[in-house]
Amino acid sequence: MVDKEIKGISDLVKLSGVARNTILKLYREQELSTIRMGTLTKLCDALDCSLSDLIEYTPDEK
């Protein structure tokens, strides 16, 4: 986030257009019931990163 002069959540909200509440949940690693692909795309564009930089899939233990 430093490369794009993003100093905090508010800057990311302005740059990405993603709702503050959504970004806070992701930042705090709180459970989201769903997340839209468009939201992830906006974050990737704002942060100049790939989807795999944002999320990691971990299967449930059986």
PDB file of N, CA and C in Angstrom:
ATOM      1  N   MET A   1       0.809  -1.193   0.000  1.00  0.00           N
ATOM      2  CA  MET A   1       0.000   0.000   0.000  1.00  0.00           C
ATOM      3  C   MET A   1       0.854   1.260   0.000  1.00  0.00           C
ATOM      4  N   VAL A   2       2.069   1.162   0.424  1.00  0.00           N
ATOM      5  CA  VAL A   2       2.936   2.328   0.477  1.00  0.00           C
ATOM      6  C   VAL A   2       3.256   2.840  -0.920  1.00  0.00           C
ATOM      7  N   ASP A   3       3.408   1.934  -1.902  1.00  0.00           N
ATOM      8  CA  ASP A   3       3.746   2.339  -3.263  1.00  0.00           C
ATOM      9  C   ASP A   3       2.726   3.315  -3.846  1.00  0.00           C
ATOM     10  N   LYS A   4       1.470   3.177  -3.475  1.00  0.00           N
ATOM     11  CA  LYS A   4       0.412   4.027  -4.014  1.00  0.00           C
ATOM     12  C   LYS A   4       0.042   5.155  -3.059  1.00  0.00           C
ATOM     13  N   GLU A   5       0.853   5.386  -2.035  1.00  0.00           N
ATOM     14  CA  GLU A   5       0.581   6.432  -1.051  1.00  0.00           C
ATOM     15  C   GLU A   5      -0.751   6.212  -0.343  1.00  0.00           C
ATOM     16  N   ILE A   6      -1.086   4.959  -0.104  1.00  0.00           N
ATOM     17  CA  ILE A   6      -2.280   4.623   0.663  1.00  0.00           C
ATOM     18  C   ILE A   6      -1.833   4.525   2.112  1.00  0.00           C
ATOM     19  N   LYS A   7      -2.273   5.468   2.917  1.00  0.00           N
ATOM     20  CA  LYS A   7      -1.807   5.535   4.297  1.00  0.00           C
ATOM     21  C   LYS A   7      -2.751   4.873   5.280  1.00  0.00           C
ATOM     22  N   GLY A   8      -3.934   4.518   4.824  1.00  0.00           N
ATOM     23  CA  GLY A   8      -4.889   3.907   5.736  1.00  0.00           C
ATOM     24  C   GLY A   8      -6.142   3.453   5.018  1.00  0.00           C
ATOM     25  N   ILE A   9      -7.074   2.989   5.815  1.00  0.00           N
ATOM     26  CA  ILE A   9      -8.338   2.464   5.299  1.00  0.00           C
ATOM     27  C   ILE A   9      -9.078   3.532   4.484  1.00  0.00           C
ATOM     28  N   SER A  10      -9.124   4.747   4.985  1.00  0.00           N
ATOM     29  CA  SER A  10      -9.855   5.817   4.281  1.00  0.00           C
ATOM     30  C   SER A  10      -9.310   6.050   2.877  1.00  0.00           C
ATOM     31  N   ASP A  11      -7.998   6.011   2.740  1.00  0.00           N
ATOM     32  CA  ASP A  11      -7.390   6.181   1.416  1.00  0.00           C
ATOM     33  C   ASP A  11      -7.778   5.038   0.487  1.00  0.00           C
ATOM     34  N   LEU A  12      -7.796   3.821   1.008  1.00  0.00           N
ATOM     35  CA  LEU A  12      -8.163   2.663   0.187  1.00  0.00           C
ATOM     36  C   LEU A  12      -9.631   2.726  -0.218  1.00  0.00           C
ATOM     37  N   VAL A  13     -10.492   3.176   0.685  1.00  0.00           N
ATOM     38  CA  VAL A  13     -11.916   3.341   0.362  1.00  0.00           C
ATOM     39  C   VAL A  13     -12.071   4.322  -0.799  1.00  0.00           C
ATOM     40  N   LYS A  14     -11.383   5.459  -0.720  1.00  0.00           N
ATOM     41  CA  LYS A  14     -11.476   6.476  -1.778  1.00  0.00           C
ATOM     42  C   LYS A  14     -10.916   5.968  -3.100  1.00  0.00           C
ATOM     43  N   LEU A  15      -9.794   5.290  -3.043  1.00  0.00           N
ATOM     44  CA  LEU A  15      -9.133   4.823  -4.256  1.00  0.00           C
ATOM     45  C   LEU A  15      -9.889   3.681  -4.928  1.00  0.00           C
ATOM     46  N   SER A  16     -10.458   2.779  -4.133  1.00  0.00           N
ATOM     47  CA  SER A  16     -11.089   1.579  -4.688  1.00  0.00           C
ATOM     48  C   SER A  16     -12.585   1.724  -4.940  1.00  0.00           C
ATOM     49  N   GLY A  17     -13.245   2.558  -4.149  1.00  0.00           N
ATOM     50  CA  GLY A  17     -14.694   2.654  -4.253  1.00  0.00           C
ATOM     51  C   GLY A  17     -15.416   1.537  -3.522  1.00  0.00           C
ATOM     52  N   VAL A  18     -14.682   0.749  -2.748  1.00  0.00           N
ATOM     53  CA  VAL A  18     -15.260  -0.348  -1.964  1.00  0.00           C
ATOM     54  C   VAL A  18     -15.718   0.218  -0.620  1.00  0.00           C
ATOM     55  N   ALA A  19     -16.850  -0.275  -0.131  1.00  0.00           N
ATOM     56  CA  ALA A  19     -17.411   0.213   1.127  1.00  0.00           C
ATOM     57  C   ALA A  19     -16.429   0.031   2.286  1.00  0.00           C
ATOM     58  N   ARG A  20     -16.376   1.024   3.142  1.00  0.00           N
ATOM     59  CA  ARG A  20     -15.480   0.998   4.300  1.00  0.00           C
ATOM     60  C   ARG A  20     -15.716  -0.242   5.158  1.00  0.00           C
ATOM     61  N   ASN A  21     -16.979  -0.589   5.388  1.00  0.00           N
ATOM     62  CA  ASN A  21     -17.313  -1.746   6.213  1.00  0.00           C
ATOM     63  C   ASN A  21     -16.729  -3.033   5.628  1.00  0.00           C
ATOM     64  N   THR A  22     -16.795  -3.176   4.321  1.00  0.00           N
ATOM     65  CA  THR A  22     -16.247  -4.362   3.658  1.00  0.00           C
ATOM     66  C   THR A  22     -14.734  -4.416   3.825  1.00  0.00           C
ATOM     67  N   ILE A  23     -14.075  -3.303   3.609  1.00  0.00           N
ATOM     68  CA  ILE A  23     -12.618  -3.261   3.755  1.00  0.00           C
ATOM     69  C   ILE A  23     -12.213  -3.548   5.194  1.00  0.00           C
ATOM     70  N   LEU A  24     -12.954  -3.000   6.150  1.00  0.00           N
ATOM     71  CA  LEU A  24     -12.636  -3.259   7.558  1.00  0.00           C
ATOM     72  C   LEU A  24     -12.776  -4.735   7.905  1.00  0.00           C
ATOM     73  N   LYS A  25     -13.817  -5.378   7.397  1.00  0.00           N
ATOM     74  CA  LYS A  25     -13.993  -6.813   7.658  1.00  0.00           C
ATOM     75  C   LYS A  25     -12.840  -7.616   7.074  1.00  0.00           C
ATOM     76  N   LEU A  26     -12.421  -7.273   5.875  1.00  0.00           N
ATOM     77  CA  LEU A  26     -11.287  -7.966   5.262  1.00  0.00           C
ATOM     78  C   LEU A  26     -10.004  -7.697   6.044  1.00  0.00           C
ATOM     79  N   TYR A  27      -9.804  -6.470   6.440  1.00  0.00           N
ATOM     80  CA  TYR A  27      -8.599  -6.076   7.169  1.00  0.00           C
ATOM     81  C   TYR A  27      -8.514  -6.792   8.517  1.00  0.00           C
ATOM     82  N   ARG A  28      -9.656  -6.900   9.177  1.00  0.00           N
ATOM     83  CA  ARG A  28      -9.697  -7.545  10.498  1.00  0.00           C
ATOM     84  C   ARG A  28      -9.848  -9.060  10.406  1.00  0.00           C
ATOM     85  N   GLU A  29      -9.877  -9.558   9.161  1.00  0.00           N
ATOM     86  CA  GLU A  29     -10.041 -10.983   8.892  1.00  0.00           C
ATOM     87  C   GLU A  29     -11.315 -11.533   9.525  1.00  0.00           C
ATOM     88  N   GLN A  30     -12.373 -10.714   9.504  1.00  0.00           N
ATOM     89  CA  GLN A  30     -13.671 -11.151   9.990  1.00  0.00           C
ATOM     90  C   GLN A  30     -14.372 -11.928   8.890  1.00  0.00           C
ATOM     91  N   GLU A  31     -15.271 -12.796   9.300  1.00  0.00           N
ATOM     92  CA  GLU A  31     -15.967 -13.641   8.334  1.00  0.00           C
ATOM     93  C   GLU A  31     -16.932 -12.820   7.486  1.00  0.00           C
ATOM     94  N   LEU A  32     -16.858 -13.047   6.195  1.00  0.00           N
ATOM     95  CA  LEU A  32     -17.805 -12.467   5.250  1.00  0.00           C
ATOM     96  C   LEU A  32     -18.620 -13.610   4.672  1.00  0.00           C
ATOM     97  N   SER A  33     -19.937 -13.468   4.653  1.00  0.00           N
ATOM     98  CA  SER A  33     -20.759 -14.543   4.092  1.00  0.00           C
ATOM     99  C   SER A  33     -20.560 -14.632   2.584  1.00  0.00           C
ATOM    100  N   THR A  34     -20.389 -13.491   1.945  1.00  0.00           N
ATOM    101  CA  THR A  34     -20.100 -13.458   0.506  1.00  0.00           C
ATOM    102  C   THR A  34     -19.212 -12.255   0.206  1.00  0.00           C
ATOM    103  N   ILE A  35     -18.521 -12.352  -0.897  1.00  0.00           N
ATOM    104  CA  ILE A  35     -17.788 -11.196  -1.417  1.00  0.00           C
ATOM    105  C   ILE A  35     -17.879 -11.265  -2.935  1.00  0.00           C
ATOM    106  N   ARG A  36     -18.225 -10.176  -3.529  1.00  0.00           N
ATOM    107  CA  ARG A  36     -18.414 -10.136  -4.978  1.00  0.00           C
ATOM    108  C   ARG A  36     -17.077 -10.060  -5.701  1.00  0.00           C
ATOM    109  N   MET A  37     -17.058 -10.664  -6.861  1.00  0.00           N
ATOM    110  CA  MET A  37     -15.854 -10.625  -7.683  1.00  0.00           C
ATOM    111  C   MET A  37     -15.508  -9.183  -8.047  1.00  0.00           C
ATOM    112  N   GLY A  38     -16.527  -8.367  -8.261  1.00  0.00           N
ATOM    113  CA  GLY A  38     -16.303  -6.961  -8.572  1.00  0.00           C
ATOM    114  C   GLY A  38     -15.585  -6.224  -7.451  1.00  0.00           C
ATOM    115  N   THR A  39     -15.895  -6.587  -6.214  1.00  0.00           N
ATOM    116  CA  THR A  39     -15.222  -5.987  -5.061  1.00  0.00           C
ATOM    117  C   THR A  39     -13.751  -6.362  -5.060  1.00  0.00           C
ATOM    118  N   LEU A  40     -13.474  -7.630  -5.294  1.00  0.00           N
ATOM    119  CA  LEU A  40     -12.083  -8.089  -5.339  1.00  0.00           C
ATOM    120  C   LEU A  40     -11.325  -7.432  -6.490  1.00  0.00           C
ATOM    121  N   THR A  41     -12.000  -7.285  -7.620  1.00  0.00           N
ATOM    122  CA  THR A  41     -11.379  -6.643  -8.778  1.00  0.00           C
ATOM    123  C   THR A  41     -11.033  -5.186  -8.475  1.00  0.00           C
ATOM    124  N   LYS A  42     -11.945  -4.476  -7.822  1.00  0.00           N
ATOM    125  CA  LYS A  42     -11.680  -3.080  -7.452  1.00  0.00           C
ATOM    126  C   LYS A  42     -10.474  -2.981  -6.522  1.00  0.00           C
ATOM    127  N   LEU A  43     -10.392  -3.900  -5.565  1.00  0.00           N
ATOM    128  CA  LEU A  43      -9.257  -3.886  -4.638  1.00  0.00           C
ATOM    129  C   LEU A  43      -7.955  -4.207  -5.362  1.00  0.00           C
ATOM    130  N   CYS A  44      -7.999  -5.188  -6.256  1.00  0.00           N
ATOM    131  CA  CYS A  44      -6.798  -5.531  -7.035  1.00  0.00           C
ATOM    132  C   CYS A  44      -6.342  -4.344  -7.880  1.00  0.00           C
ATOM    133  N   ASP A  45      -7.285  -3.668  -8.510  1.00  0.00           N
ATOM    134  CA  ASP A  45      -6.942  -2.503  -9.331  1.00  0.00           C
ATOM    135  C   ASP A  45      -6.351  -1.382  -8.470  1.00  0.00           C
ATOM    136  N   ALA A  46      -6.971  -1.132  -7.326  1.00  0.00           N
ATOM    137  CA  ALA A  46      -6.506  -0.054  -6.451  1.00  0.00           C
ATOM    138  C   ALA A  46      -5.123  -0.342  -5.882  1.00  0.00           C
ATOM    139  N   LEU A  47      -4.862  -1.602  -5.585  1.00  0.00           N
ATOM    140  CA  LEU A  47      -3.591  -1.985  -4.966  1.00  0.00           C
ATOM    141  C   LEU A  47      -2.553  -2.458  -5.977  1.00  0.00           C
ATOM    142  N   ASP A  48      -2.964  -2.532  -7.245  1.00  0.00           N
ATOM    143  CA  ASP A  48      -2.079  -3.017  -8.307  1.00  0.00           C
ATOM    144  C   ASP A  48      -1.495  -4.382  -7.939  1.00  0.00           C
ATOM    145  N   CYS A  49      -2.408  -5.313  -7.643  1.00  0.00           N
ATOM    146  CA  CYS A  49      -1.984  -6.655  -7.251  1.00  0.00           C
ATOM    147  C   CYS A  49      -2.883  -7.685  -7.931  1.00  0.00           C
ATOM    148  N   SER A  50      -2.568  -8.950  -7.734  1.00  0.00           N
ATOM    149  CA  SER A  50      -3.391 -10.018  -8.300  1.00  0.00           C
ATOM    150  C   SER A  50      -4.315 -10.573  -7.222  1.00  0.00           C
ATOM    151  N   LEU A  51      -5.305 -11.311  -7.655  1.00  0.00           N
ATOM    152  CA  LEU A  51      -6.277 -11.894  -6.737  1.00  0.00           C
ATOM    153  C   LEU A  51      -5.601 -12.785  -5.702  1.00  0.00           C
ATOM    154  N   SER A  52      -4.595 -13.525  -6.113  1.00  0.00           N
ATOM    155  CA  SER A  52      -3.908 -14.426  -5.178  1.00  0.00           C
ATOM    156  C   SER A  52      -3.136 -13.663  -4.097  1.00  0.00           C
ATOM    157  N   ASP A  53      -2.893 -12.381  -4.313  1.00  0.00           N
ATOM    158  CA  ASP A  53      -2.270 -11.565  -3.270  1.00  0.00           C
ATOM    159  C   ASP A  53      -3.269 -11.200  -2.173  1.00  0.00           C
ATOM    160  N   LEU A  54      -4.558 -11.259  -2.503  1.00  0.00           N
ATOM    161  CA  LEU A  54      -5.597 -10.858  -1.556  1.00  0.00           C
ATOM    162  C   LEU A  54      -6.205 -12.012  -0.782  1.00  0.00           C
ATOM    163  N   ILE A  55      -6.383 -13.144  -1.443  1.00  0.00           N
ATOM    164  CA  ILE A  55      -7.099 -14.239  -0.786  1.00  0.00           C
ATOM    165  C   ILE A  55      -6.311 -15.536  -0.852  1.00  0.00           C
ATOM    166  N   GLU A  56      -6.605 -16.389   0.096  1.00  0.00           N
ATOM    167  CA  GLU A  56      -6.010 -17.718   0.144  1.00  0.00           C
ATOM    168  C   GLU A  56      -7.115 -18.695   0.518  1.00  0.00           C
ATOM    169  N   TYR A  57      -7.218 -19.776  -0.219  1.00  0.00           N
ATOM    170  CA  TYR A  57      -8.233 -20.785   0.057  1.00  0.00           C
ATOM    171  C   TYR A  57      -7.657 -21.830   1.000  1.00  0.00           C
ATOM    172  N   THR A  58      -8.367 -22.065   2.088  1.00  0.00           N
ATOM    173  CA  THR A  58      -8.000 -23.114   3.031  1.00  0.00           C
ATOM    174  C   THR A  58      -9.227 -23.989   3.230  1.00  0.00           C
ATOM    175  N   PRO A  59      -9.173 -25.245   2.781  1.00  0.00           N
ATOM    176  CA  PRO A  59     -10.340 -26.113   2.932  1.00  0.00           C
ATOM    177  C   PRO A  59     -10.637 -26.396   4.403  1.00  0.00           C
ATOM    178  N   ASP A  60     -11.920 -26.609   4.688  1.00  0.00           N
ATOM    179  CA  ASP A  60     -12.324 -26.992   6.041  1.00  0.00           C
ATOM    180  C   ASP A  60     -11.747 -28.349   6.390  1.00  0.00           C
ATOM    181  N   GLU A  61     -11.387 -28.499   7.649  1.00  0.00           N
ATOM    182  CA  GLU A  61     -10.924 -29.814   8.100  1.00  0.00           C
ATOM    183  C   GLU A  61     -12.132 -30.710   8.291  1.00  0.00           C
ATOM    184  N   LYS A  62     -11.968 -31.972   7.938  1.00  0.00           N
ATOM    185  CA  LYS A  62     -13.093 -32.911   8.061  1.00  0.00           C
ATOM    186  C   LYS A  62     -13.027 -33.659   9.353  1.00  0.00           C
TER     187      LYS A  62
END
